[in-house]
Amino acid sequence: MEGSMLLSEVPLGQSCQVVESHLLRLLDLGFCEESQVVPLYTCPWGGTRLYHVKQTRIALRDSDAAQIQVKAVE
């Protein structure tokens, strides 16, 4: 997909929109197509980030976030 990237690659504070999610568990957490997501915080030891999605905050491992394709939102 042109212009898409992995959620794990999005800079902190950059709003993005979910294009595709490959894990059903992530869909249940709100990471479904067209959802707005903003990465808020990276844990000091790495490997986990905090995201704002659907009026809540959810921590995801980078390996799970790498299963979500997103596109930048201006």
PDB file of N, CA and C in Angstrom:
ATOM      1  N   MET A   1       0.837  -1.185   0.000  1.00  0.00           N
ATOM      2  CA  MET A   1       0.000   0.000   0.000  1.00  0.00           C
ATOM      3  C   MET A   1       0.876   1.240   0.000  1.00  0.00           C
ATOM      4  N   GLU A   2       0.628   2.085  -0.947  1.00  0.00           N
ATOM      5  CA  GLU A   2       1.432   3.289  -1.079  1.00  0.00           C
ATOM      6  C   GLU A   2       1.128   4.261   0.057  1.00  0.00           C
ATOM      7  N   GLY A   3       2.176   4.801   0.661  1.00  0.00           N
ATOM      8  CA  GLY A   3       2.015   5.782   1.727  1.00  0.00           C
ATOM      9  C   GLY A   3       1.699   5.181   3.084  1.00  0.00           C
ATOM     10  N   SER A   4       1.673   3.866   3.196  1.00  0.00           N
ATOM     11  CA  SER A   4       1.379   3.260   4.488  1.00  0.00           C
ATOM     12  C   SER A   4       2.676   2.880   5.196  1.00  0.00           C
ATOM     13  N   MET A   5       2.577   2.709   6.504  1.00  0.00           N
ATOM     14  CA  MET A   5       3.713   2.313   7.329  1.00  0.00           C
ATOM     15  C   MET A   5       3.183   1.464   8.472  1.00  0.00           C
ATOM     16  N   LEU A   6       4.079   0.918   9.249  1.00  0.00           N
ATOM     17  CA  LEU A   6       3.691   0.136  10.413  1.00  0.00           C
ATOM     18  C   LEU A   6       3.428   1.071  11.590  1.00  0.00           C
ATOM     19  N   LEU A   7       2.467   0.724  12.422  1.00  0.00           N
ATOM     20  CA  LEU A   7       2.167   1.547  13.592  1.00  0.00           C
ATOM     21  C   LEU A   7       3.399   1.696  14.480  1.00  0.00           C
ATOM     22  N   SER A   8       4.220   0.684  14.557  1.00  0.00           N
ATOM     23  CA  SER A   8       5.431   0.741  15.388  1.00  0.00           C
ATOM     24  C   SER A   8       6.452   1.756  14.877  1.00  0.00           C
ATOM     25  N   GLU A   9       6.303   2.238  13.640  1.00  0.00           N
ATOM     26  CA  GLU A   9       7.234   3.200  13.039  1.00  0.00           C
ATOM     27  C   GLU A   9       6.758   4.652  13.131  1.00  0.00           C
ATOM     28  N   VAL A  10       5.538   4.880  13.568  1.00  0.00           N
ATOM     29  CA  VAL A  10       4.972   6.232  13.605  1.00  0.00           C
ATOM     30  C   VAL A  10       5.627   7.035  14.734  1.00  0.00           C
ATOM     31  N   PRO A  11       6.080   8.261  14.454  1.00  0.00           N
ATOM     32  CA  PRO A  11       6.683   9.096  15.504  1.00  0.00           C
ATOM     33  C   PRO A  11       5.671   9.445  16.599  1.00  0.00           C
ATOM     34  N   LEU A  12       6.167   9.644  17.808  1.00  0.00           N
ATOM     35  CA  LEU A  12       5.300  10.038  18.919  1.00  0.00           C
ATOM     36  C   LEU A  12       4.554  11.323  18.578  1.00  0.00           C
ATOM     37  N   GLY A  13       3.270  11.362  18.903  1.00  0.00           N
ATOM     38  CA  GLY A  13       2.456  12.549  18.686  1.00  0.00           C
ATOM     39  C   GLY A  13       1.875  12.675  17.289  1.00  0.00           C
ATOM     40  N   GLN A  14       2.298  11.831  16.348  1.00  0.00           N
ATOM     41  CA  GLN A  14       1.806  11.884  14.964  1.00  0.00           C
ATOM     42  C   GLN A  14       0.505  11.089  14.854  1.00  0.00           C
ATOM     43  N   SER A  15      -0.563  11.756  14.471  1.00  0.00           N
ATOM     44  CA  SER A  15      -1.843  11.085  14.286  1.00  0.00           C
ATOM     45  C   SER A  15      -1.807  10.239  13.023  1.00  0.00           C
ATOM     46  N   CYS A  16      -2.410   9.057  13.101  1.00  0.00           N
ATOM     47  CA  CYS A  16      -2.464   8.175  11.934  1.00  0.00           C
ATOM     48  C   CYS A  16      -3.801   7.440  11.927  1.00  0.00           C
ATOM     49  N   GLN A  17      -4.082   6.796  10.820  1.00  0.00           N
ATOM     50  CA  GLN A  17      -5.340   6.078  10.642  1.00  0.00           C
ATOM     51  C   GLN A  17      -5.026   4.634  10.258  1.00  0.00           C
ATOM     52  N   VAL A  18      -5.712   3.699  10.898  1.00  0.00           N
ATOM     53  CA  VAL A  18      -5.489   2.283  10.623  1.00  0.00           C
ATOM     54  C   VAL A  18      -5.986   1.943   9.223  1.00  0.00           C
ATOM     55  N   VAL A  19      -5.131   1.283   8.459  1.00  0.00           N
ATOM     56  CA  VAL A  19      -5.480   0.815   7.118  1.00  0.00           C
ATOM     57  C   VAL A  19      -5.824  -0.669   7.169  1.00  0.00           C
ATOM     58  N   GLU A  20      -5.030  -1.432   7.947  1.00  0.00           N
ATOM     59  CA  GLU A  20      -5.228  -2.880   8.024  1.00  0.00           C
ATOM     60  C   GLU A  20      -4.591  -3.414   9.299  1.00  0.00           C
ATOM     61  N   SER A  21      -5.275  -4.353   9.947  1.00  0.00           N
ATOM     62  CA  SER A  21      -4.751  -5.005  11.145  1.00  0.00           C
ATOM     63  C   SER A  21      -4.765  -6.511  10.918  1.00  0.00           C
ATOM     64  N   HIS A  22      -3.661  -7.186  11.267  1.00  0.00           N
ATOM     65  CA  HIS A  22      -3.524  -8.610  10.971  1.00  0.00           C
ATOM     66  C   HIS A  22      -3.853  -9.532  12.141  1.00  0.00           C
ATOM     67  N   LEU A  23      -4.123  -9.003  13.314  1.00  0.00           N
ATOM     68  CA  LEU A  23      -4.432  -9.838  14.472  1.00  0.00           C
ATOM     69  C   LEU A  23      -5.837  -9.528  14.977  1.00  0.00           C
ATOM     70  N   LEU A  24      -6.673 -10.555  15.129  1.00  0.00           N
ATOM     71  CA  LEU A  24      -8.049 -10.357  15.590  1.00  0.00           C
ATOM     72  C   LEU A  24      -8.098  -9.705  16.966  1.00  0.00           C
ATOM     73  N   ARG A  25      -7.159 -10.055  17.832  1.00  0.00           N
ATOM     74  CA  ARG A  25      -7.127  -9.475  19.183  1.00  0.00           C
ATOM     75  C   ARG A  25      -7.001  -7.953  19.119  1.00  0.00           C
ATOM     76  N   LEU A  26      -6.242  -7.451  18.143  1.00  0.00           N
ATOM     77  CA  LEU A  26      -6.076  -6.005  17.999  1.00  0.00           C
ATOM     78  C   LEU A  26      -7.365  -5.343  17.521  1.00  0.00           C
ATOM     79  N   LEU A  27      -8.135  -6.038  16.705  1.00  0.00           N
ATOM     80  CA  LEU A  27      -9.436  -5.508  16.286  1.00  0.00           C
ATOM     81  C   LEU A  27     -10.347  -5.346  17.498  1.00  0.00           C
ATOM     82  N   ASP A  28     -10.322  -6.314  18.405  1.00  0.00           N
ATOM     83  CA  ASP A  28     -11.133  -6.249  19.621  1.00  0.00           C
ATOM     84  C   ASP A  28     -10.727  -5.083  20.522  1.00  0.00           C
ATOM     85  N   LEU A  29      -9.466  -4.664  20.444  1.00  0.00           N
ATOM     86  CA  LEU A  29      -8.974  -3.549  21.258  1.00  0.00           C
ATOM     87  C   LEU A  29      -9.271  -2.186  20.634  1.00  0.00           C
ATOM     88  N   GLY A  30      -9.824  -2.173  19.409  1.00  0.00           N
ATOM     89  CA  GLY A  30     -10.183  -0.917  18.767  1.00  0.00           C
ATOM     90  C   GLY A  30      -9.308  -0.524  17.597  1.00  0.00           C
ATOM     91  N   PHE A  31      -8.331  -1.347  17.253  1.00  0.00           N
ATOM     92  CA  PHE A  31      -7.441  -1.038  16.135  1.00  0.00           C
ATOM     93  C   PHE A  31      -8.036  -1.564  14.827  1.00  0.00           C
ATOM     94  N   CYS A  32      -9.269  -1.113  14.514  1.00  0.00           N
ATOM     95  CA  CYS A  32      -9.943  -1.548  13.289  1.00  0.00           C
ATOM     96  C   CYS A  32      -9.758  -0.484  12.203  1.00  0.00           C
ATOM     97  N   GLU A  33     -10.082  -0.849  10.962  1.00  0.00           N
ATOM     98  CA  GLU A  33      -9.876   0.051   9.830  1.00  0.00           C
ATOM     99  C   GLU A  33     -10.526   1.408  10.068  1.00  0.00           C
ATOM    100  N   GLU A  34      -9.808   2.450   9.702  1.00  0.00           N
ATOM    101  CA  GLU A  34     -10.207   3.851   9.780  1.00  0.00           C
ATOM    102  C   GLU A  34     -10.189   4.431  11.191  1.00  0.00           C
ATOM    103  N   SER A  35      -9.762   3.656  12.201  1.00  0.00           N
ATOM    104  CA  SER A  35      -9.618   4.196  13.555  1.00  0.00           C
ATOM    105  C   SER A  35      -8.437   5.157  13.593  1.00  0.00           C
ATOM    106  N   GLN A  36      -8.586   6.252  14.330  1.00  0.00           N
ATOM    107  CA  GLN A  36      -7.501   7.206  14.534  1.00  0.00           C
ATOM    108  C   GLN A  36      -6.651   6.731  15.710  1.00  0.00           C
ATOM    109  N   VAL A  37      -5.336   6.760  15.534  1.00  0.00           N
ATOM    110  CA  VAL A  37      -4.400   6.312  16.570  1.00  0.00           C
ATOM    111  C   VAL A  37      -3.285   7.343  16.705  1.00  0.00           C
ATOM    112  N   VAL A  38      -2.878   7.608  17.959  1.00  0.00           N
ATOM    113  CA  VAL A  38      -1.754   8.507  18.208  1.00  0.00           C
ATOM    114  C   VAL A  38      -0.799   7.827  19.191  1.00  0.00           C
ATOM    115  N   PRO A  39       0.458   7.597  18.800  1.00  0.00           N
ATOM    116  CA  PRO A  39       1.448   7.084  19.747  1.00  0.00           C
ATOM    117  C   PRO A  39       1.784   8.186  20.763  1.00  0.00           C
ATOM    118  N   LEU A  40       1.700   7.859  22.051  1.00  0.00           N
ATOM    119  CA  LEU A  40       1.890   8.870  23.090  1.00  0.00           C
ATOM    120  C   LEU A  40       3.215   8.762  23.839  1.00  0.00           C
ATOM    121  N   TYR A  41       3.697   7.553  24.039  1.00  0.00           N
ATOM    122  CA  TYR A  41       4.825   7.359  24.951  1.00  0.00           C
ATOM    123  C   TYR A  41       5.554   6.065  24.601  1.00  0.00           C
ATOM    124  N   THR A  42       6.865   6.085  24.700  1.00  0.00           N
ATOM    125  CA  THR A  42       7.679   4.879  24.550  1.00  0.00           C
ATOM    126  C   THR A  42       8.281   4.548  25.909  1.00  0.00           C
ATOM    127  N   CYS A  43       8.155   3.318  26.342  1.00  0.00           N
ATOM    128  CA  CYS A  43       8.721   2.902  27.626  1.00  0.00           C
ATOM    129  C   CYS A  43      10.237   3.065  27.604  1.00  0.00           C
ATOM    130  N   PRO A  44      10.835   3.479  28.711  1.00  0.00           N
ATOM    131  CA  PRO A  44      12.276   3.722  28.761  1.00  0.00           C
ATOM    132  C   PRO A  44      13.116   2.501  28.383  1.00  0.00           C
ATOM    133  N   TRP A  45      12.651   1.315  28.699  1.00  0.00           N
ATOM    134  CA  TRP A  45      13.417   0.108  28.376  1.00  0.00           C
ATOM    135  C   TRP A  45      13.129  -0.398  26.965  1.00  0.00           C
ATOM    136  N   GLY A  46      12.198   0.249  26.254  1.00  0.00           N
ATOM    137  CA  GLY A  46      11.898  -0.085  24.855  1.00  0.00           C
ATOM    138  C   GLY A  46      10.988  -1.291  24.722  1.00  0.00           C
ATOM    139  N   GLY A  47      10.547  -1.521  23.499  1.00  0.00           N
ATOM    140  CA  GLY A  47       9.728  -2.689  23.213  1.00  0.00           C
ATOM    141  C   GLY A  47       8.238  -2.509  23.402  1.00  0.00           C
ATOM    142  N   THR A  48       7.820  -1.417  24.057  1.00  0.00           N
ATOM    143  CA  THR A  48       6.402  -1.168  24.316  1.00  0.00           C
ATOM    144  C   THR A  48       6.105   0.315  24.137  1.00  0.00           C
ATOM    145  N   ARG A  49       4.949   0.601  23.549  1.00  0.00           N
ATOM    146  CA  ARG A  49       4.522   1.990  23.385  1.00  0.00           C
ATOM    147  C   ARG A  49       3.075   2.138  23.843  1.00  0.00           C
ATOM    148  N   LEU A  50       2.734   3.344  24.259  1.00  0.00           N
ATOM    149  CA  LEU A  50       1.377   3.678  24.670  1.00  0.00           C
ATOM    150  C   LEU A  50       0.696   4.408  23.521  1.00  0.00           C
ATOM    151  N   TYR A  51      -0.530   3.984  23.179  1.00  0.00           N
ATOM    152  CA  TYR A  51      -1.285   4.569  22.070  1.00  0.00           C
ATOM    153  C   TYR A  51      -2.635   5.071  22.557  1.00  0.00           C
ATOM    154  N   HIS A  52      -3.104   6.155  21.951  1.00  0.00           N
ATOM    155  CA  HIS A  52      -4.457   6.654  22.188  1.00  0.00           C
ATOM    156  C   HIS A  52      -5.308   6.195  21.013  1.00  0.00           C
ATOM    157  N   VAL A  53      -6.343   5.411  21.299  1.00  0.00           N
ATOM    158  CA  VAL A  53      -7.243   4.908  20.260  1.00  0.00           C
ATOM    159  C   VAL A  53      -8.651   4.806  20.844  1.00  0.00           C
ATOM    160  N   LYS A  54      -9.621   5.327  20.122  1.00  0.00           N
ATOM    161  CA  LYS A  54     -11.039   5.256  20.516  1.00  0.00           C
ATOM    162  C   LYS A  54     -11.264   5.681  21.967  1.00  0.00           C
ATOM    163  N   GLN A  55     -10.799   6.835  22.330  1.00  0.00           N
ATOM    164  CA  GLN A  55     -10.998   7.455  23.638  1.00  0.00           C
ATOM    165  C   GLN A  55     -10.421   6.652  24.803  1.00  0.00           C
ATOM    166  N   THR A  56      -9.394   5.859  24.521  1.00  0.00           N
ATOM    167  CA  THR A  56      -8.719   5.132  25.588  1.00  0.00           C
ATOM    168  C   THR A  56      -7.227   5.047  25.278  1.00  0.00           C
ATOM    169  N   ARG A  57      -6.458   4.621  26.250  1.00  0.00           N
ATOM    170  CA  ARG A  57      -5.017   4.446  26.067  1.00  0.00           C
ATOM    171  C   ARG A  57      -4.683   2.974  26.239  1.00  0.00           C
ATOM    172  N   ILE A  58      -3.914   2.458  25.289  1.00  0.00           N
ATOM    173  CA  ILE A  58      -3.573   1.039  25.280  1.00  0.00           C
ATOM    174  C   ILE A  58      -2.075   0.889  25.038  1.00  0.00           C
ATOM    175  N   ALA A  59      -1.419   0.066  25.851  1.00  0.00           N
ATOM    176  CA  ALA A  59      -0.002  -0.244  25.650  1.00  0.00           C
ATOM    177  C   ALA A  59       0.104  -1.486  24.774  1.00  0.00           C
ATOM    178  N   LEU A  60       0.958  -1.406  23.754  1.00  0.00           N
ATOM    179  CA  LEU A  60       1.194  -2.536  22.851  1.00  0.00           C
ATOM    180  C   LEU A  60       2.684  -2.804  22.731  1.00  0.00           C
ATOM    181  N   ARG A  61       3.031  -4.079  22.639  1.00  0.00           N
ATOM    182  CA  ARG A  61       4.408  -4.437  22.305  1.00  0.00           C
ATOM    183  C   ARG A  61       4.670  -4.001  20.872  1.00  0.00           C
ATOM    184  N   ASP A  62       5.913  -3.656  20.573  1.00  0.00           N
ATOM    185  CA  ASP A  62       6.270  -3.265  19.205  1.00  0.00           C
ATOM    186  C   ASP A  62       5.984  -4.383  18.209  1.00  0.00           C
ATOM    187  N   SER A  63       6.131  -5.626  18.637  1.00  0.00           N
ATOM    188  CA  SER A  63       5.862  -6.753  17.738  1.00  0.00           C
ATOM    189  C   SER A  63       4.387  -6.816  17.348  1.00  0.00           C
ATOM    190  N   ASP A  64       3.491  -6.428  18.255  1.00  0.00           N
ATOM    191  CA  ASP A  64       2.058  -6.376  17.927  1.00  0.00           C
ATOM    192  C   ASP A  64       1.748  -5.158  17.064  1.00  0.00           C
ATOM    193  N   ALA A  65       2.353  -4.017  17.392  1.00  0.00           N
ATOM    194  CA  ALA A  65       2.125  -2.795  16.614  1.00  0.00           C
ATOM    195  C   ALA A  65       2.629  -2.950  15.182  1.00  0.00           C
ATOM    196  N   ALA A  66       3.605  -3.822  14.982  1.00  0.00           N
ATOM    197  CA  ALA A  66       4.134  -4.070  13.638  1.00  0.00           C
ATOM    198  C   ALA A  66       3.155  -4.863  12.774  1.00  0.00           C
ATOM    199  N   GLN A  67       2.070  -5.343  13.362  1.00  0.00           N
ATOM    200  CA  GLN A  67       1.035  -6.067  12.619  1.00  0.00           C
ATOM    201  C   GLN A  67      -0.077  -5.139  12.131  1.00  0.00           C
ATOM    202  N   ILE A  68       0.077  -3.830  12.384  1.00  0.00           N
ATOM    203  CA  ILE A  68      -0.952  -2.851  12.021  1.00  0.00           C
ATOM    204  C   ILE A  68      -0.393  -1.890  10.983  1.00  0.00           C
ATOM    205  N   GLN A  69      -1.019  -1.839   9.818  1.00  0.00           N
ATOM    206  CA  GLN A  69      -0.652  -0.896   8.758  1.00  0.00           C
ATOM    207  C   GLN A  69      -1.455   0.388   8.969  1.00  0.00           C
ATOM    208  N   VAL A  70      -0.785   1.535   8.897  1.00  0.00           N
ATOM    209  CA  VAL A  70      -1.444   2.828   9.085  1.00  0.00           C
ATOM    210  C   VAL A  70      -1.000   3.802   7.999  1.00  0.00           C
ATOM    211  N   LYS A  71      -1.724   4.909   7.904  1.00  0.00           N
ATOM    212  CA  LYS A  71      -1.302   6.014   7.042  1.00  0.00           C
ATOM    213  C   LYS A  71      -1.365   7.285   7.868  1.00  0.00           C
ATOM    214  N   ALA A  72      -0.489   8.218   7.561  1.00  0.00           N
ATOM    215  CA  ALA A  72      -0.417   9.480   8.300  1.00  0.00           C
ATOM    216  C   ALA A  72      -1.671  10.306   8.059  1.00  0.00           C
ATOM    217  N   VAL A  73      -2.087  11.035   9.094  1.00  0.00           N
ATOM    218  CA  VAL A  73      -3.222  11.945   9.012  1.00  0.00           C
ATOM    219  C   VAL A  73      -2.701  13.343   9.284  1.00  0.00           C
ATOM    220  N   GLU A  74      -3.044  14.263   8.430  1.00  0.00           N
ATOM    221  CA  GLU A  74      -2.588  15.658   8.581  1.00  0.00           C
ATOM    222  C   GLU A  74      -3.380  16.359   9.649  1.00  0.00           C
TER     223      GLU A  74
END
